[in-house]
C-alpha cells in the first residue's frame, strides 16, 4: 500500500518541529542537543523508505508527543555564579520558556501539606480495611462470640443419597484379617461438588458408612459456610483459648513486676 503525499508531508513537519523544539529546549548545551538528535535519527527514522501507512502514522504520533513533552515539561538549568570560597555553592537559574507549563500562584504560595509516612500508612490501612469490608460482605465475624452466634444461625447443607456415589474397597493397615480381607473401607463421592471422602475408622461396615457421611457433611458445611462450619468453630475456639491464656500470662507477669517494684 502506497503512502499518500499528505502523510509524508505530515511526517516531515513533525520531524522538523521536533528538531526546532530540541534546539530551544537544549539551547546552550550543544553536546546534549547533538546526542538527542542522534537518538531520534537512530530510533525513529527508518533505514528504508516506509511502506506501511499505519506504521508511519504511529511514528508521527510518537514524534509529536515527544516534541510536546520537550516543549512543556523539560527545562534547563544555567549556571549563573561560580563558588568563590570554600563554603560557597554554585548557583543555577532555571531557564523557563513561554511554552513551559507552570503552576498557578495559589499552588505555589499555598502548596498542599506534606503527609508523614505514618499518616500515609494509617490512611492506606483504613482504605484497605474499608475496601475489604465492602468487597467481602460475607466474611465470617472476627471475634469468637460473634462467630458462635453466626455458627448457630448458618444454613446447614443437606446431604442427599442420590447425590452420593458409594464404593467399598478392601481395607489396609493394622487390624488383622477383619480389616485386610474385608471390604470395609467406605469411599464416597459427592457428585455435585466433586468432594471425596474415605472412612476406615472401625471394623464395622455400617459404622464406617455413617462416619463417612458425617465427614462428607462436615466438608460440605465448610465449603458452603466458610469460617462458620463446625471445623471453623473448633479452630476459632482453639485460637480464643490461646488468646486468653496469653492474656492471663501477660497479666500475671505484669502483677509480679509491680510487686517487685513496690517491694
Protein backbone atom coordinates (compact mmCIF):
# COMPACT_ATOMS: atom_id res chain seq x y z
CA UNK A 1 0.00 0.00 0.00
CA UNK A 2 1.45 3.38 -1.04
CA UNK A 3 1.77 6.33 1.29
CA UNK A 4 -0.08 9.48 0.42
CA UNK A 5 1.84 12.76 -0.12
CA UNK A 6 -0.17 14.36 2.71
CA UNK A 7 1.09 11.73 5.19
CA UNK A 8 4.68 12.22 4.04
CA UNK A 9 4.32 15.98 4.46
CA UNK A 10 2.92 15.47 7.97
CA UNK A 11 5.88 13.24 8.86
CA UNK A 12 8.40 15.81 7.61
CA UNK A 13 6.60 18.58 9.50
CA UNK A 14 6.59 16.58 12.77
CA UNK A 15 10.32 15.81 12.43
CA UNK A 16 11.22 19.46 11.76
CA UNK A 17 9.10 20.58 14.72
CA UNK A 18 10.94 18.14 16.97
CA UNK A 19 14.30 19.48 15.79
CA UNK A 20 13.22 23.08 16.49
CA UNK A 21 11.93 22.17 19.95
CA UNK A 22 15.17 20.40 20.81
CA UNK A 23 17.11 23.49 19.72
CA UNK A 24 15.01 25.66 22.06
CA UNK A 25 15.00 23.23 25.00
CA UNK A 26 18.71 22.39 24.92
CA UNK A 27 19.97 25.85 23.95
CA UNK A 28 23.49 26.42 25.27
CA UNK A 29 24.15 22.67 25.71
CA UNK A 30 25.35 21.60 22.28
CA UNK A 31 26.53 18.19 23.45
CA UNK A 32 23.10 17.14 24.82
CA UNK A 33 21.39 18.57 21.76
CA UNK A 34 23.55 16.53 19.38
CA UNK A 35 23.05 13.36 21.45
CA UNK A 36 19.28 13.84 21.43
CA UNK A 37 19.16 14.35 17.66
CA UNK A 38 21.34 11.29 17.06
CA UNK A 39 19.00 9.25 19.26
CA UNK A 40 15.98 10.45 17.30
CA UNK A 41 17.61 9.58 13.97
CA UNK A 42 18.59 6.12 15.20
CA UNK A 43 15.29 5.13 16.85
CA UNK A 44 12.60 6.90 14.84
CA UNK A 45 13.89 7.35 11.30
CA UNK A 46 13.67 4.15 9.20
CA UNK A 47 16.66 2.90 7.25
CA UNK A 48 14.49 2.32 4.18
CA UNK A 49 11.52 4.35 2.87
CA UNK A 50 8.40 3.39 4.84
CA UNK A 51 5.76 1.32 3.05
CA UNK A 52 3.10 0.87 5.77
CA UNK A 53 0.88 3.97 6.25
CA UNK A 54 -0.32 2.81 9.68
CA UNK A 55 3.23 2.35 10.99
CA UNK A 56 4.20 5.77 9.66
CA UNK A 57 1.17 7.38 11.34
CA UNK A 58 2.17 5.80 14.68
CA UNK A 59 5.72 7.15 14.33
CA UNK A 60 4.39 10.61 13.52
CA UNK A 61 2.24 10.49 16.64
CA UNK A 62 5.22 9.45 18.78
CA UNK A 63 7.34 12.29 17.39
CA UNK A 64 4.57 14.82 18.11
CA UNK A 65 4.22 13.55 21.69
CA UNK A 66 7.99 13.80 22.26
CA UNK A 67 8.01 17.35 20.93
CA UNK A 68 5.09 18.29 23.19
CA UNK A 69 6.83 16.89 26.29
CA UNK A 70 10.09 18.67 25.46
CA UNK A 71 8.30 21.96 24.87
CA UNK A 72 6.18 21.95 28.05
CA UNK A 73 7.81 19.74 30.66
CA UNK A 74 11.60 19.94 30.22
CA UNK A 75 13.54 22.97 31.50
CA UNK A 76 17.25 23.72 31.56
CA UNK A 77 19.39 24.92 34.45
CA UNK A 78 22.03 27.52 33.59
CA UNK A 79 24.93 28.22 35.93
CA UNK A 80 24.99 31.89 36.90
CA UNK A 81 27.59 32.02 39.68
CA UNK A 82 30.81 30.17 40.40
CA UNK A 83 31.74 29.31 44.00
CA UNK A 84 34.21 31.88 45.29
CA UNK A 85 35.09 30.39 48.66
CA UNK A 86 35.21 27.10 50.50
CA UNK A 87 31.65 27.40 51.83
CA UNK A 88 30.11 28.87 48.70
CA UNK A 89 27.84 26.98 46.37
CA UNK A 90 27.23 27.04 42.67
CA UNK A 91 24.10 28.93 41.65
CA UNK A 92 21.86 27.90 38.78
CA UNK A 93 18.96 29.62 37.10
CA UNK A 94 16.10 27.67 35.59
CA UNK A 95 15.50 28.80 32.03
CA UNK A 96 11.73 28.82 31.53
CA UNK A 97 10.32 29.47 28.08
CA UNK A 98 6.90 30.75 27.08
CA UNK A 99 5.69 27.20 26.45
CA UNK A 100 6.72 25.76 29.83
CA UNK A 101 3.82 24.54 31.93
CA UNK A 102 3.66 26.46 35.23
CA UNK A 103 1.53 26.05 38.32
CA UNK A 104 -0.89 28.71 39.47
CA UNK A 105 0.06 31.26 42.11
CA UNK A 106 -2.22 29.55 44.63
CA UNK A 107 -0.46 26.22 44.22
CA UNK A 108 2.95 27.88 44.58
CA UNK A 109 2.11 30.11 47.55
CA UNK A 110 -0.05 27.57 49.40
CA UNK A 111 1.17 24.10 48.46
CA UNK A 112 -0.72 21.11 49.86
CA UNK A 113 0.71 19.91 53.21
CA UNK A 114 3.15 17.05 53.04
CA UNK A 115 1.85 13.88 54.63
CA UNK A 116 4.12 11.99 57.01
CA UNK A 117 4.90 8.36 56.36
CA UNK A 118 2.99 7.30 59.48
CA UNK A 119 -0.14 9.19 58.41
CA UNK A 120 0.14 7.75 54.91
CA UNK A 121 0.36 4.21 56.30
CA UNK A 122 -2.66 4.79 58.56
CA UNK A 123 -4.68 6.20 55.69
CA UNK A 124 -3.69 3.29 53.44
CA UNK A 125 -4.63 0.75 56.12
CA UNK A 126 -8.00 2.45 56.64
CA UNK A 127 -8.72 2.45 52.91
CA UNK A 128 -7.71 -1.20 52.64
CA UNK A 129 -9.92 -2.24 55.55
CA UNK A 130 -12.91 -0.33 54.16
CA UNK A 131 -12.38 -1.82 50.71
CA UNK A 132 -12.02 -5.31 52.15
CA UNK A 133 -15.19 -4.97 54.22
CA UNK A 134 -17.16 -3.65 51.24
CA UNK A 135 -15.81 -6.25 48.82
CA UNK A 136 -16.24 -9.21 51.17
CA UNK A 137 -19.52 -8.66 52.97
CA UNK A 138 -19.91 -12.42 53.59
CA UNK A 139 -16.66 -12.75 55.56
CA UNK A 140 -17.01 -14.56 58.91
CA UNK A 141 -17.02 -12.47 62.11
CA UNK A 142 -13.68 -11.71 63.68
CA UNK A 143 -14.47 -12.34 67.35
CA UNK A 144 -15.35 -15.73 68.81
CA UNK A 145 -18.62 -14.63 70.46
CA UNK A 146 -19.92 -13.23 67.17
CA UNK A 147 -18.66 -16.30 65.32
CA UNK A 148 -20.54 -18.55 67.74
CA UNK A 149 -23.81 -16.72 67.09
CA UNK A 150 -23.25 -16.81 63.32
CA UNK A 151 -22.47 -20.54 63.53
CA UNK A 152 -25.83 -21.23 65.16
CA UNK A 153 -27.66 -19.22 62.51
CA UNK A 154 -25.95 -20.74 59.48
CA UNK A 155 -27.76 -22.87 56.89
CA UNK A 156 -26.51 -26.45 57.14
CA UNK A 157 -26.36 -28.14 53.71
CA UNK A 158 -28.49 -31.23 53.08
CA UNK A 159 -26.78 -34.46 52.08
CA UNK A 160 -28.96 -36.36 49.60
CA UNK A 161 -28.38 -40.02 48.87
CA UNK A 162 -28.97 -39.53 45.13
CA UNK A 163 -26.00 -37.11 45.06
CA UNK A 164 -23.66 -39.69 46.56
CA UNK A 165 -21.65 -42.32 44.73
CA UNK A 166 -20.58 -45.02 47.21
CA UNK A 167 -17.89 -47.68 46.84
CA UNK A 168 -16.45 -50.34 49.15
CA UNK A 169 -12.81 -51.39 48.89
CA UNK A 170 -10.61 -53.74 50.86
CA UNK A 171 -9.13 -52.18 53.96
CA UNK A 172 -5.43 -51.79 54.72
CA UNK A 173 -3.27 -51.23 57.74
CA UNK A 174 -3.29 -52.76 61.24
CA UNK A 175 -6.33 -54.71 62.40
CA UNK A 176 -5.82 -58.27 61.25
CA UNK A 177 -7.95 -60.27 58.83
CA UNK A 178 -11.13 -58.41 59.72
CA UNK A 179 -9.55 -55.31 58.15
CA UNK A 180 -7.29 -56.60 55.40
CA UNK A 181 -9.63 -59.28 53.96
CA UNK A 182 -12.96 -57.45 54.11
CA UNK A 183 -14.30 -54.56 52.07
CA UNK A 184 -14.99 -52.22 54.97
CA UNK A 185 -13.27 -49.13 53.56
CA UNK A 186 -16.10 -46.80 52.56
CA UNK A 187 -15.42 -44.22 49.84
CA UNK A 188 -17.97 -41.55 48.98
CA UNK A 189 -18.08 -39.12 46.05
CA UNK A 190 -20.38 -36.10 46.20
CA UNK A 191 -21.27 -35.68 42.53
CA UNK A 192 -22.42 -32.02 42.56
CA UNK A 193 -19.22 -30.72 44.20
CA UNK A 194 -16.69 -33.48 43.43
CA UNK A 195 -15.76 -33.91 47.11
CA UNK A 196 -14.32 -37.32 48.00
CA UNK A 197 -14.01 -38.92 51.44
CA UNK A 198 -12.81 -42.31 52.66
CA UNK A 199 -13.50 -43.87 56.04
CA UNK A 200 -11.94 -46.94 57.69
CA UNK A 201 -12.23 -45.93 61.33
CA UNK A 202 -13.83 -49.12 62.63
CA UNK A 203 -14.17 -52.77 61.65
CA UNK A 204 -17.90 -52.40 61.14
CA UNK A 205 -19.01 -51.55 57.61
CA UNK A 206 -22.28 -49.96 58.74
CA UNK A 207 -20.47 -47.77 61.26
CA UNK A 208 -17.94 -46.68 58.65
CA UNK A 209 -20.80 -45.73 56.29
CA UNK A 210 -22.29 -43.46 58.97
CA UNK A 211 -18.91 -41.90 59.77
CA UNK A 212 -18.14 -41.34 56.07
CA UNK A 213 -21.41 -39.46 55.61
CA UNK A 214 -20.70 -37.39 58.70
CA UNK A 215 -17.24 -36.47 57.35
CA UNK A 216 -18.70 -35.61 53.94
CA UNK A 217 -21.39 -33.43 55.55
CA UNK A 218 -18.71 -31.55 57.52
CA UNK A 219 -16.76 -30.93 54.33
CA UNK A 220 -19.90 -29.66 52.59
CA UNK A 221 -20.58 -27.41 55.58
CA UNK A 222 -17.05 -25.98 55.40
CA UNK A 223 -17.48 -25.44 51.65
CA UNK A 224 -20.88 -23.73 51.87
CA UNK A 225 -20.22 -21.82 55.12
CA UNK A 226 -16.52 -20.82 55.13
CA UNK A 227 -15.40 -19.96 58.64
CA UNK A 228 -18.79 -20.85 60.17
CA UNK A 229 -18.71 -24.66 60.00
CA UNK A 230 -18.03 -26.96 62.94
CA UNK A 231 -14.43 -27.28 61.85
CA UNK A 232 -14.06 -23.50 61.64
CA UNK A 233 -15.69 -23.09 65.06
CA UNK A 234 -13.30 -25.61 66.62
CA UNK A 235 -10.34 -23.75 65.17
CA UNK A 236 -11.72 -20.43 66.40
CA UNK A 237 -12.26 -21.92 69.88
CA UNK A 238 -8.64 -23.05 69.97
CA UNK A 239 -7.42 -19.60 68.96
CA UNK A 240 -9.66 -17.97 71.58
CA UNK A 241 -8.28 -20.24 74.31
CA UNK A 242 -4.73 -19.45 73.24
CA UNK A 243 -5.50 -15.73 73.24
CA UNK A 244 -6.97 -15.90 76.75
CA UNK A 245 -4.02 -17.94 78.01
CA UNK A 246 -1.55 -15.38 76.68
CA UNK A 247 -3.59 -12.52 78.13
CA UNK A 248 -3.67 -14.20 81.53
CA UNK A 249 0.07 -14.92 81.46
CA UNK A 250 0.77 -11.32 80.50
CA UNK A 251 -1.42 -10.05 83.33
CA UNK A 252 0.32 -12.31 85.86
CA UNK A 253 3.74 -11.18 84.64
CA UNK A 254 2.69 -7.54 84.97
CA UNK A 255 1.45 -8.22 88.52
CA UNK A 256 4.76 -9.82 89.51
CA UNK A 257 6.68 -6.89 88.05
CA UNK A 258 4.50 -4.48 90.07
CA UNK A 259 5.13 -6.46 93.27
CA UNK A 260 8.88 -6.40 92.66
CA UNK A 261 8.86 -2.65 92.06
CA UNK A 262 6.90 -1.93 95.25
CA UNK A 263 9.00 -4.30 97.40
